[in-house]
Amino acid sequence: MAKIILTHEVTGLGAPGDIVEVKDGYARNYLIPRSLATPWTKGAEKDVAAIRKARKAREIASLDDAKAVRDSLQANAVTVTAKSGESGRLFGAVTTAEIAEAIKAAGAPSVDKRKIEVSQAIKSLGEYKVQVRLHPEVAATVTVRVVGA
């Protein structure tokens, strides 16, 4: 088992600044090369406070604020335009970055693309439900309408 410090949020594992133990291969082959984590050392543990401070500055301040944002996101559907063929199949897929831009364009507060979870790849026109993690305890279900360009 390898002890690591998370630098980004990893679903099912933890938030930035958390110190967790994972299998050696998962740390060596996935988390560290993708800059999602750093190896744990006594010196690196001092950086944990800085990572947590930066996380607090970025995340929505309180639970009440997160619930208010969740309610506004769930009340309004978000529209994403994409190029598609005649059968309604997209050329490529809708990315989380495009969904984040659409949420911002709709007038909602900006959402980090890494906080958006898409259950299946969006590759055709229609309506889809995506999860947006606003706070460790609050997630919003956003309706995304994909329309042809």
N, C-alpha and C. Protein backbone atom coordinates (compact mmCIF):
# COMPACT_ATOMS: atom_id res chain seq x y z
N MET A 1 0.85 -1.19 0.00
CA MET A 1 0.00 0.00 0.00
C MET A 1 0.89 1.24 0.00
N ALA A 2 0.47 2.23 -0.79
CA ALA A 2 1.22 3.48 -0.90
C ALA A 2 0.42 4.59 -0.23
N LYS A 3 1.09 5.44 0.50
CA LYS A 3 0.47 6.58 1.16
C LYS A 3 0.68 7.78 0.24
N ILE A 4 -0.42 8.46 -0.13
CA ILE A 4 -0.33 9.59 -1.05
C ILE A 4 -1.14 10.77 -0.51
N ILE A 5 -0.87 11.94 -1.08
CA ILE A 5 -1.61 13.16 -0.77
C ILE A 5 -2.34 13.56 -2.04
N LEU A 6 -3.66 13.63 -1.98
CA LEU A 6 -4.44 14.01 -3.16
C LEU A 6 -4.28 15.50 -3.44
N THR A 7 -4.08 15.85 -4.71
CA THR A 7 -3.98 17.24 -5.11
C THR A 7 -5.23 17.71 -5.84
N HIS A 8 -6.05 16.75 -6.31
CA HIS A 8 -7.32 17.05 -6.95
C HIS A 8 -8.36 16.09 -6.38
N GLU A 9 -9.62 16.41 -6.58
CA GLU A 9 -10.69 15.53 -6.10
C GLU A 9 -10.74 14.28 -6.96
N VAL A 10 -10.80 13.13 -6.32
CA VAL A 10 -10.92 11.84 -6.99
C VAL A 10 -12.18 11.19 -6.45
N THR A 11 -13.14 10.93 -7.34
CA THR A 11 -14.42 10.36 -6.92
C THR A 11 -14.20 9.02 -6.23
N GLY A 12 -14.79 8.87 -5.07
CA GLY A 12 -14.69 7.63 -4.32
C GLY A 12 -13.43 7.50 -3.49
N LEU A 13 -12.53 8.48 -3.57
CA LEU A 13 -11.28 8.39 -2.84
C LEU A 13 -11.11 9.54 -1.85
N GLY A 14 -11.32 10.78 -2.32
CA GLY A 14 -11.19 11.90 -1.40
C GLY A 14 -11.07 13.23 -2.12
N ALA A 15 -10.83 14.25 -1.33
CA ALA A 15 -10.74 15.62 -1.81
C ALA A 15 -9.29 16.10 -1.73
N PRO A 16 -8.97 17.22 -2.37
CA PRO A 16 -7.60 17.73 -2.31
C PRO A 16 -7.15 17.95 -0.87
N GLY A 17 -5.92 17.54 -0.58
CA GLY A 17 -5.37 17.69 0.76
C GLY A 17 -5.56 16.47 1.63
N ASP A 18 -6.35 15.51 1.18
CA ASP A 18 -6.55 14.29 1.97
C ASP A 18 -5.34 13.37 1.81
N ILE A 19 -4.98 12.72 2.89
CA ILE A 19 -3.90 11.73 2.87
C ILE A 19 -4.57 10.36 2.91
N VAL A 20 -4.35 9.57 1.85
CA VAL A 20 -5.01 8.26 1.75
C VAL A 20 -4.00 7.18 1.41
N GLU A 21 -4.38 5.95 1.68
CA GLU A 21 -3.56 4.80 1.30
C GLU A 21 -4.27 4.06 0.18
N VAL A 22 -3.53 3.83 -0.91
CA VAL A 22 -4.06 3.10 -2.06
C VAL A 22 -3.05 2.04 -2.46
N LYS A 23 -3.45 1.15 -3.35
CA LYS A 23 -2.52 0.13 -3.82
C LYS A 23 -1.41 0.80 -4.62
N ASP A 24 -0.22 0.20 -4.56
CA ASP A 24 0.96 0.78 -5.21
C ASP A 24 0.73 1.07 -6.69
N GLY A 25 0.16 0.12 -7.42
CA GLY A 25 -0.03 0.28 -8.86
C GLY A 25 -0.98 1.41 -9.19
N TYR A 26 -2.05 1.58 -8.41
CA TYR A 26 -3.01 2.66 -8.64
C TYR A 26 -2.33 4.01 -8.47
N ALA A 27 -1.50 4.13 -7.44
CA ALA A 27 -0.77 5.39 -7.22
C ALA A 27 0.26 5.62 -8.31
N ARG A 28 1.07 4.61 -8.58
CA ARG A 28 2.20 4.74 -9.52
C ARG A 28 1.74 4.90 -10.97
N ASN A 29 0.69 4.19 -11.37
CA ASN A 29 0.30 4.17 -12.78
C ASN A 29 -0.85 5.10 -13.14
N TYR A 30 -1.63 5.52 -12.18
CA TYR A 30 -2.79 6.35 -12.50
C TYR A 30 -2.76 7.72 -11.81
N LEU A 31 -2.74 7.73 -10.48
CA LEU A 31 -2.90 8.99 -9.75
C LEU A 31 -1.72 9.95 -9.92
N ILE A 32 -0.50 9.45 -9.74
CA ILE A 32 0.67 10.33 -9.81
C ILE A 32 0.95 10.82 -11.23
N PRO A 33 0.91 9.96 -12.28
CA PRO A 33 1.15 10.47 -13.64
C PRO A 33 0.13 11.51 -14.10
N ARG A 34 -1.11 11.42 -13.61
CA ARG A 34 -2.15 12.38 -14.01
C ARG A 34 -2.19 13.59 -13.08
N SER A 35 -1.23 13.72 -12.20
CA SER A 35 -1.11 14.83 -11.25
C SER A 35 -2.34 14.96 -10.35
N LEU A 36 -2.97 13.83 -10.05
CA LEU A 36 -4.09 13.84 -9.11
C LEU A 36 -3.61 13.68 -7.68
N ALA A 37 -2.36 13.22 -7.52
CA ALA A 37 -1.81 12.99 -6.19
C ALA A 37 -0.29 13.12 -6.23
N THR A 38 0.30 13.28 -5.04
CA THR A 38 1.76 13.27 -4.90
C THR A 38 2.11 12.24 -3.83
N PRO A 39 3.31 11.67 -3.91
CA PRO A 39 3.71 10.72 -2.88
C PRO A 39 3.78 11.40 -1.51
N TRP A 40 3.44 10.67 -0.47
CA TRP A 40 3.48 11.22 0.87
C TRP A 40 4.90 11.19 1.40
N THR A 41 5.34 12.32 1.93
CA THR A 41 6.60 12.42 2.67
C THR A 41 6.34 13.37 3.83
N LYS A 42 7.28 13.39 4.78
CA LYS A 42 7.10 14.32 5.91
C LYS A 42 7.11 15.76 5.41
N GLY A 43 7.97 16.05 4.44
CA GLY A 43 8.05 17.41 3.88
C GLY A 43 6.78 17.77 3.12
N ALA A 44 6.25 16.81 2.37
CA ALA A 44 5.04 17.08 1.58
C ALA A 44 3.83 17.26 2.48
N GLU A 45 3.86 16.66 3.65
CA GLU A 45 2.72 16.80 4.56
C GLU A 45 2.54 18.25 5.00
N LYS A 46 3.64 19.03 4.98
CA LYS A 46 3.54 20.44 5.33
C LYS A 46 2.76 21.21 4.26
N ASP A 47 2.78 20.71 3.02
CA ASP A 47 2.05 21.37 1.93
C ASP A 47 0.55 21.12 2.01
N VAL A 48 0.14 20.15 2.81
CA VAL A 48 -1.28 19.81 2.90
C VAL A 48 -2.10 21.02 3.34
N ALA A 49 -1.59 21.79 4.26
CA ALA A 49 -2.31 22.97 4.74
C ALA A 49 -2.54 23.96 3.60
N ALA A 50 -1.54 24.15 2.74
CA ALA A 50 -1.69 25.06 1.60
C ALA A 50 -2.71 24.53 0.60
N ILE A 51 -2.70 23.21 0.38
CA ILE A 51 -3.66 22.60 -0.55
C ILE A 51 -5.07 22.78 -0.01
N ARG A 52 -5.27 22.53 1.28
CA ARG A 52 -6.60 22.66 1.88
C ARG A 52 -7.08 24.12 1.86
N LYS A 53 -6.16 25.07 2.08
CA LYS A 53 -6.52 26.48 2.06
C LYS A 53 -6.98 26.89 0.66
N ALA A 54 -6.27 26.43 -0.37
CA ALA A 54 -6.65 26.74 -1.75
C ALA A 54 -7.99 26.11 -2.08
N ARG A 55 -8.24 24.89 -1.58
CA ARG A 55 -9.52 24.21 -1.83
C ARG A 55 -10.66 25.01 -1.21
N LYS A 56 -10.47 25.48 0.01
CA LYS A 56 -11.53 26.24 0.68
C LYS A 56 -11.83 27.53 -0.07
N ALA A 57 -10.82 28.15 -0.65
CA ALA A 57 -11.03 29.39 -1.39
C ALA A 57 -11.84 29.13 -2.66
N ARG A 58 -11.65 27.95 -3.28
CA ARG A 58 -12.33 27.63 -4.53
C ARG A 58 -13.74 27.12 -4.34
N GLU A 59 -13.98 26.35 -3.29
CA GLU A 59 -15.29 25.72 -3.15
C GLU A 59 -16.32 26.69 -2.62
N ILE A 60 -17.54 26.35 -2.85
CA ILE A 60 -18.65 27.19 -2.41
C ILE A 60 -18.62 27.24 -0.88
N ALA A 61 -18.71 28.44 -0.35
CA ALA A 61 -18.42 28.69 1.06
C ALA A 61 -19.20 27.84 2.04
N SER A 62 -20.50 27.80 1.91
CA SER A 62 -21.25 27.11 2.95
C SER A 62 -22.26 26.15 2.35
N LEU A 63 -22.80 25.33 3.21
CA LEU A 63 -23.80 24.35 2.81
C LEU A 63 -25.05 25.06 2.28
N ASP A 64 -25.44 26.16 2.91
CA ASP A 64 -26.63 26.90 2.47
C ASP A 64 -26.43 27.48 1.08
N ASP A 65 -25.23 28.04 0.82
CA ASP A 65 -24.93 28.56 -0.52
C ASP A 65 -24.99 27.45 -1.56
N ALA A 66 -24.43 26.29 -1.22
CA ALA A 66 -24.43 25.16 -2.14
C ALA A 66 -25.85 24.70 -2.44
N LYS A 67 -26.71 24.69 -1.44
CA LYS A 67 -28.11 24.29 -1.65
C LYS A 67 -28.83 25.30 -2.53
N ALA A 68 -28.54 26.59 -2.37
CA ALA A 68 -29.16 27.62 -3.21
C ALA A 68 -28.71 27.46 -4.66
N VAL A 69 -27.42 27.21 -4.87
CA VAL A 69 -26.91 27.00 -6.23
C VAL A 69 -27.53 25.74 -6.82
N ARG A 70 -27.64 24.67 -6.00
CA ARG A 70 -28.25 23.43 -6.48
C ARG A 70 -29.67 23.67 -6.96
N ASP A 71 -30.46 24.41 -6.17
CA ASP A 71 -31.84 24.67 -6.54
C ASP A 71 -31.93 25.45 -7.85
N SER A 72 -31.05 26.44 -8.05
CA SER A 72 -31.08 27.21 -9.29
C SER A 72 -30.64 26.37 -10.48
N LEU A 73 -29.66 25.48 -10.28
CA LEU A 73 -29.21 24.62 -11.38
C LEU A 73 -30.29 23.61 -11.76
N GLN A 74 -30.96 23.02 -10.77
CA GLN A 74 -31.97 22.00 -11.06
C GLN A 74 -33.23 22.61 -11.67
N ALA A 75 -33.49 23.90 -11.41
CA ALA A 75 -34.69 24.54 -11.93
C ALA A 75 -34.58 24.83 -13.43
N ASN A 76 -33.37 25.06 -13.90
CA ASN A 76 -33.18 25.45 -15.30
C ASN A 76 -32.42 24.38 -16.07
N ALA A 77 -32.92 24.07 -17.27
CA ALA A 77 -32.20 23.14 -18.14
C ALA A 77 -31.11 23.92 -18.87
N VAL A 78 -30.03 23.24 -19.20
CA VAL A 78 -28.90 23.86 -19.87
C VAL A 78 -28.88 23.35 -21.31
N THR A 79 -28.62 24.23 -22.27
CA THR A 79 -28.61 23.83 -23.67
C THR A 79 -27.19 23.88 -24.21
N VAL A 80 -26.79 22.78 -24.87
CA VAL A 80 -25.48 22.69 -25.51
C VAL A 80 -25.72 22.43 -26.99
N THR A 81 -25.08 23.22 -27.85
CA THR A 81 -25.21 22.99 -29.29
C THR A 81 -24.00 22.22 -29.78
N ALA A 82 -24.26 21.27 -30.68
CA ALA A 82 -23.18 20.45 -31.21
C ALA A 82 -23.51 20.06 -32.64
N LYS A 83 -22.49 19.83 -33.43
CA LYS A 83 -22.70 19.40 -34.81
C LYS A 83 -23.11 17.94 -34.82
N SER A 84 -24.12 17.64 -35.64
CA SER A 84 -24.60 16.26 -35.70
C SER A 84 -24.95 15.88 -37.13
N GLY A 85 -25.03 14.59 -37.36
CA GLY A 85 -25.43 14.07 -38.66
C GLY A 85 -26.95 14.07 -38.75
N GLU A 86 -27.47 13.57 -39.88
CA GLU A 86 -28.92 13.57 -40.08
C GLU A 86 -29.64 12.64 -39.11
N SER A 87 -28.99 11.60 -38.65
CA SER A 87 -29.64 10.65 -37.74
C SER A 87 -29.66 11.16 -36.29
N GLY A 88 -29.05 12.31 -36.03
CA GLY A 88 -29.02 12.86 -34.68
C GLY A 88 -27.79 12.45 -33.90
N ARG A 89 -26.89 11.72 -34.55
CA ARG A 89 -25.65 11.30 -33.89
C ARG A 89 -24.63 12.43 -34.00
N LEU A 90 -23.95 12.72 -32.90
CA LEU A 90 -22.98 13.82 -32.86
C LEU A 90 -21.66 13.43 -33.51
N PHE A 91 -20.96 14.43 -34.00
CA PHE A 91 -19.59 14.25 -34.47
C PHE A 91 -18.71 14.46 -33.24
N GLY A 92 -18.39 13.40 -32.54
CA GLY A 92 -17.64 13.50 -31.29
C GLY A 92 -18.61 13.34 -30.12
N ALA A 93 -18.27 13.92 -28.99
CA ALA A 93 -19.12 13.81 -27.80
C ALA A 93 -19.12 15.16 -27.08
N VAL A 94 -20.15 15.37 -26.29
CA VAL A 94 -20.23 16.58 -25.46
C VAL A 94 -19.32 16.37 -24.25
N THR A 95 -18.41 17.30 -24.01
CA THR A 95 -17.46 17.17 -22.91
C THR A 95 -17.97 17.91 -21.67
N THR A 96 -17.34 17.60 -20.54
CA THR A 96 -17.71 18.29 -19.31
C THR A 96 -17.36 19.77 -19.38
N ALA A 97 -16.32 20.11 -20.15
CA ALA A 97 -15.96 21.53 -20.31
C ALA A 97 -17.07 22.28 -21.05
N GLU A 98 -17.66 21.66 -22.06
CA GLU A 98 -18.76 22.30 -22.78
C GLU A 98 -19.98 22.46 -21.89
N ILE A 99 -20.24 21.48 -21.04
CA ILE A 99 -21.37 21.57 -20.11
C ILE A 99 -21.12 22.70 -19.11
N ALA A 100 -19.88 22.80 -18.61
CA ALA A 100 -19.54 23.88 -17.66
C ALA A 100 -19.72 25.25 -18.31
N GLU A 101 -19.32 25.39 -19.58
CA GLU A 101 -19.50 26.66 -20.29
C GLU A 101 -20.99 26.98 -20.46
N ALA A 102 -21.79 25.96 -20.77
CA ALA A 102 -23.23 26.16 -20.95
C ALA A 102 -23.89 26.58 -19.64
N ILE A 103 -23.45 26.00 -18.53
CA ILE A 103 -23.99 26.37 -17.22
C ILE A 103 -23.67 27.83 -16.92
N LYS A 104 -22.44 28.22 -17.22
CA LYS A 104 -22.03 29.62 -16.99
C LYS A 104 -22.80 30.57 -17.90
N ALA A 105 -23.01 30.17 -19.17
CA ALA A 105 -23.74 31.01 -20.12
C ALA A 105 -25.21 31.15 -19.73
N ALA A 106 -25.74 30.16 -19.03
CA ALA A 106 -27.14 30.21 -18.60
C ALA A 106 -27.34 31.15 -17.42
N GLY A 107 -26.27 31.71 -16.89
CA GLY A 107 -26.38 32.67 -15.80
C GLY A 107 -26.14 32.08 -14.43
N ALA A 108 -25.85 30.80 -14.36
CA ALA A 108 -25.56 30.17 -13.07
C ALA A 108 -24.10 30.43 -12.71
N PRO A 109 -23.72 30.25 -11.44
CA PRO A 109 -22.32 30.43 -11.07
C PRO A 109 -21.43 29.43 -11.81
N SER A 110 -20.20 29.82 -12.08
CA SER A 110 -19.31 28.93 -12.82
C SER A 110 -19.02 27.68 -12.00
N VAL A 111 -18.96 26.54 -12.70
CA VAL A 111 -18.75 25.24 -12.09
C VAL A 111 -17.49 24.65 -12.70
N ASP A 112 -16.65 24.07 -11.87
CA ASP A 112 -15.43 23.42 -12.34
C ASP A 112 -15.80 22.18 -13.14
N LYS A 113 -15.19 22.02 -14.32
CA LYS A 113 -15.52 20.87 -15.17
C LYS A 113 -15.22 19.54 -14.49
N ARG A 114 -14.29 19.53 -13.54
CA ARG A 114 -13.95 18.28 -12.84
C ARG A 114 -15.03 17.88 -11.84
N LYS A 115 -15.95 18.80 -11.54
CA LYS A 115 -17.03 18.50 -10.59
C LYS A 115 -18.27 17.96 -11.29
N ILE A 116 -18.22 17.87 -12.63
CA ILE A 116 -19.35 17.37 -13.40
C ILE A 116 -19.14 15.90 -13.70
N GLU A 117 -20.14 15.08 -13.36
CA GLU A 117 -20.06 13.64 -13.61
C GLU A 117 -21.11 13.24 -14.62
N VAL A 118 -20.66 12.69 -15.76
CA VAL A 118 -21.55 12.23 -16.81
C VAL A 118 -21.56 10.71 -16.75
N SER A 119 -22.76 10.12 -16.59
CA SER A 119 -22.84 8.67 -16.43
C SER A 119 -22.47 7.92 -17.70
N GLN A 120 -22.90 8.42 -18.86
CA GLN A 120 -22.52 7.80 -20.13
C GLN A 120 -22.12 8.92 -21.08
N ALA A 121 -21.31 8.59 -22.07
CA ALA A 121 -20.87 9.60 -23.03
C ALA A 121 -22.08 10.14 -23.78
N ILE A 122 -22.12 11.46 -23.94
CA ILE A 122 -23.22 12.10 -24.65
C ILE A 122 -22.82 12.20 -26.12
N LYS A 123 -23.41 11.31 -26.94
CA LYS A 123 -23.02 11.23 -28.35
C LYS A 123 -24.18 11.40 -29.32
N SER A 124 -25.35 11.80 -28.82
CA SER A 124 -26.47 12.04 -29.72
C SER A 124 -27.33 13.17 -29.17
N LEU A 125 -28.21 13.70 -30.02
CA LEU A 125 -29.09 14.79 -29.62
C LEU A 125 -30.10 14.27 -28.60
N GLY A 126 -30.57 15.16 -27.74
CA GLY A 126 -31.58 14.77 -26.76
C GLY A 126 -31.33 15.41 -25.41
N GLU A 127 -32.03 14.88 -24.39
CA GLU A 127 -31.89 15.38 -23.03
C GLU A 127 -31.15 14.36 -22.18
N TYR A 128 -30.25 14.85 -21.35
CA TYR A 128 -29.45 13.99 -20.48
C TYR A 128 -29.42 14.58 -19.08
N LYS A 129 -29.24 13.72 -18.09
CA LYS A 129 -29.09 14.16 -16.69
C LYS A 129 -27.63 13.98 -16.31
N VAL A 130 -27.03 15.03 -15.75
CA VAL A 130 -25.65 14.95 -15.27
C VAL A 130 -25.62 15.40 -13.82
N GLN A 131 -24.66 14.88 -13.06
CA GLN A 131 -24.47 15.24 -11.66
C GLN A 131 -23.40 16.32 -11.57
N VAL A 132 -23.63 17.32 -10.75
CA VAL A 132 -22.65 18.36 -10.47
C VAL A 132 -22.43 18.37 -8.96
N ARG A 133 -21.19 18.07 -8.54
CA ARG A 133 -20.86 18.08 -7.11
C ARG A 133 -20.48 19.50 -6.72
N LEU A 134 -21.34 20.14 -5.94
CA LEU A 134 -21.13 21.53 -5.55
C LEU A 134 -20.39 21.65 -4.22
N HIS A 135 -20.55 20.65 -3.38
CA HIS A 135 -20.05 20.65 -2.01
C HIS A 135 -19.93 19.19 -1.63
N PRO A 136 -19.08 18.83 -0.68
CA PRO A 136 -18.99 17.41 -0.31
C PRO A 136 -20.33 16.78 0.06
N GLU A 137 -21.29 17.58 0.52
CA GLU A 137 -22.58 17.04 0.93
C GLU A 137 -23.71 17.38 -0.03
N VAL A 138 -23.44 18.17 -1.08
CA VAL A 138 -24.51 18.63 -1.97
C VAL A 138 -24.14 18.34 -3.42
N ALA A 139 -25.05 17.67 -4.13
CA ALA A 139 -24.89 17.44 -5.56
C ALA A 139 -26.18 17.84 -6.26
N ALA A 140 -26.05 18.41 -7.45
CA ALA A 140 -27.21 18.83 -8.21
C ALA A 140 -27.33 17.95 -9.45
N THR A 141 -28.57 17.65 -9.83
CA THR A 141 -28.83 16.93 -11.06
C THR A 141 -29.28 17.96 -12.08
N VAL A 142 -28.49 18.14 -13.13
CA VAL A 142 -28.75 19.16 -14.13
C VAL A 142 -29.22 18.49 -15.42
N THR A 143 -30.27 19.04 -16.02
CA THR A 143 -30.76 18.55 -17.30
C THR A 143 -29.99 19.27 -18.40
N VAL A 144 -29.35 18.49 -19.28
CA VAL A 144 -28.59 19.05 -20.39
C VAL A 144 -29.31 18.69 -21.67
N ARG A 145 -29.72 19.71 -22.43
CA ARG A 145 -30.35 19.49 -23.74
C ARG A 145 -29.28 19.66 -24.80
N VAL A 146 -29.11 18.64 -25.62
CA VAL A 146 -28.15 18.72 -26.72
C VAL A 146 -28.94 18.93 -28.00
N VAL A 147 -28.68 20.07 -28.68
CA VAL A 147 -29.38 20.41 -29.91
C VAL A 147 -28.38 20.54 -31.04
N GLY A 148 -28.83 20.32 -32.25
CA GLY A 148 -27.96 20.41 -33.42
C GLY A 148 -27.58 21.84 -33.73
N ALA A 149 -26.37 22.01 -34.25
CA ALA A 149 -25.89 23.35 -34.57
C ALA A 149 -26.32 23.74 -35.98
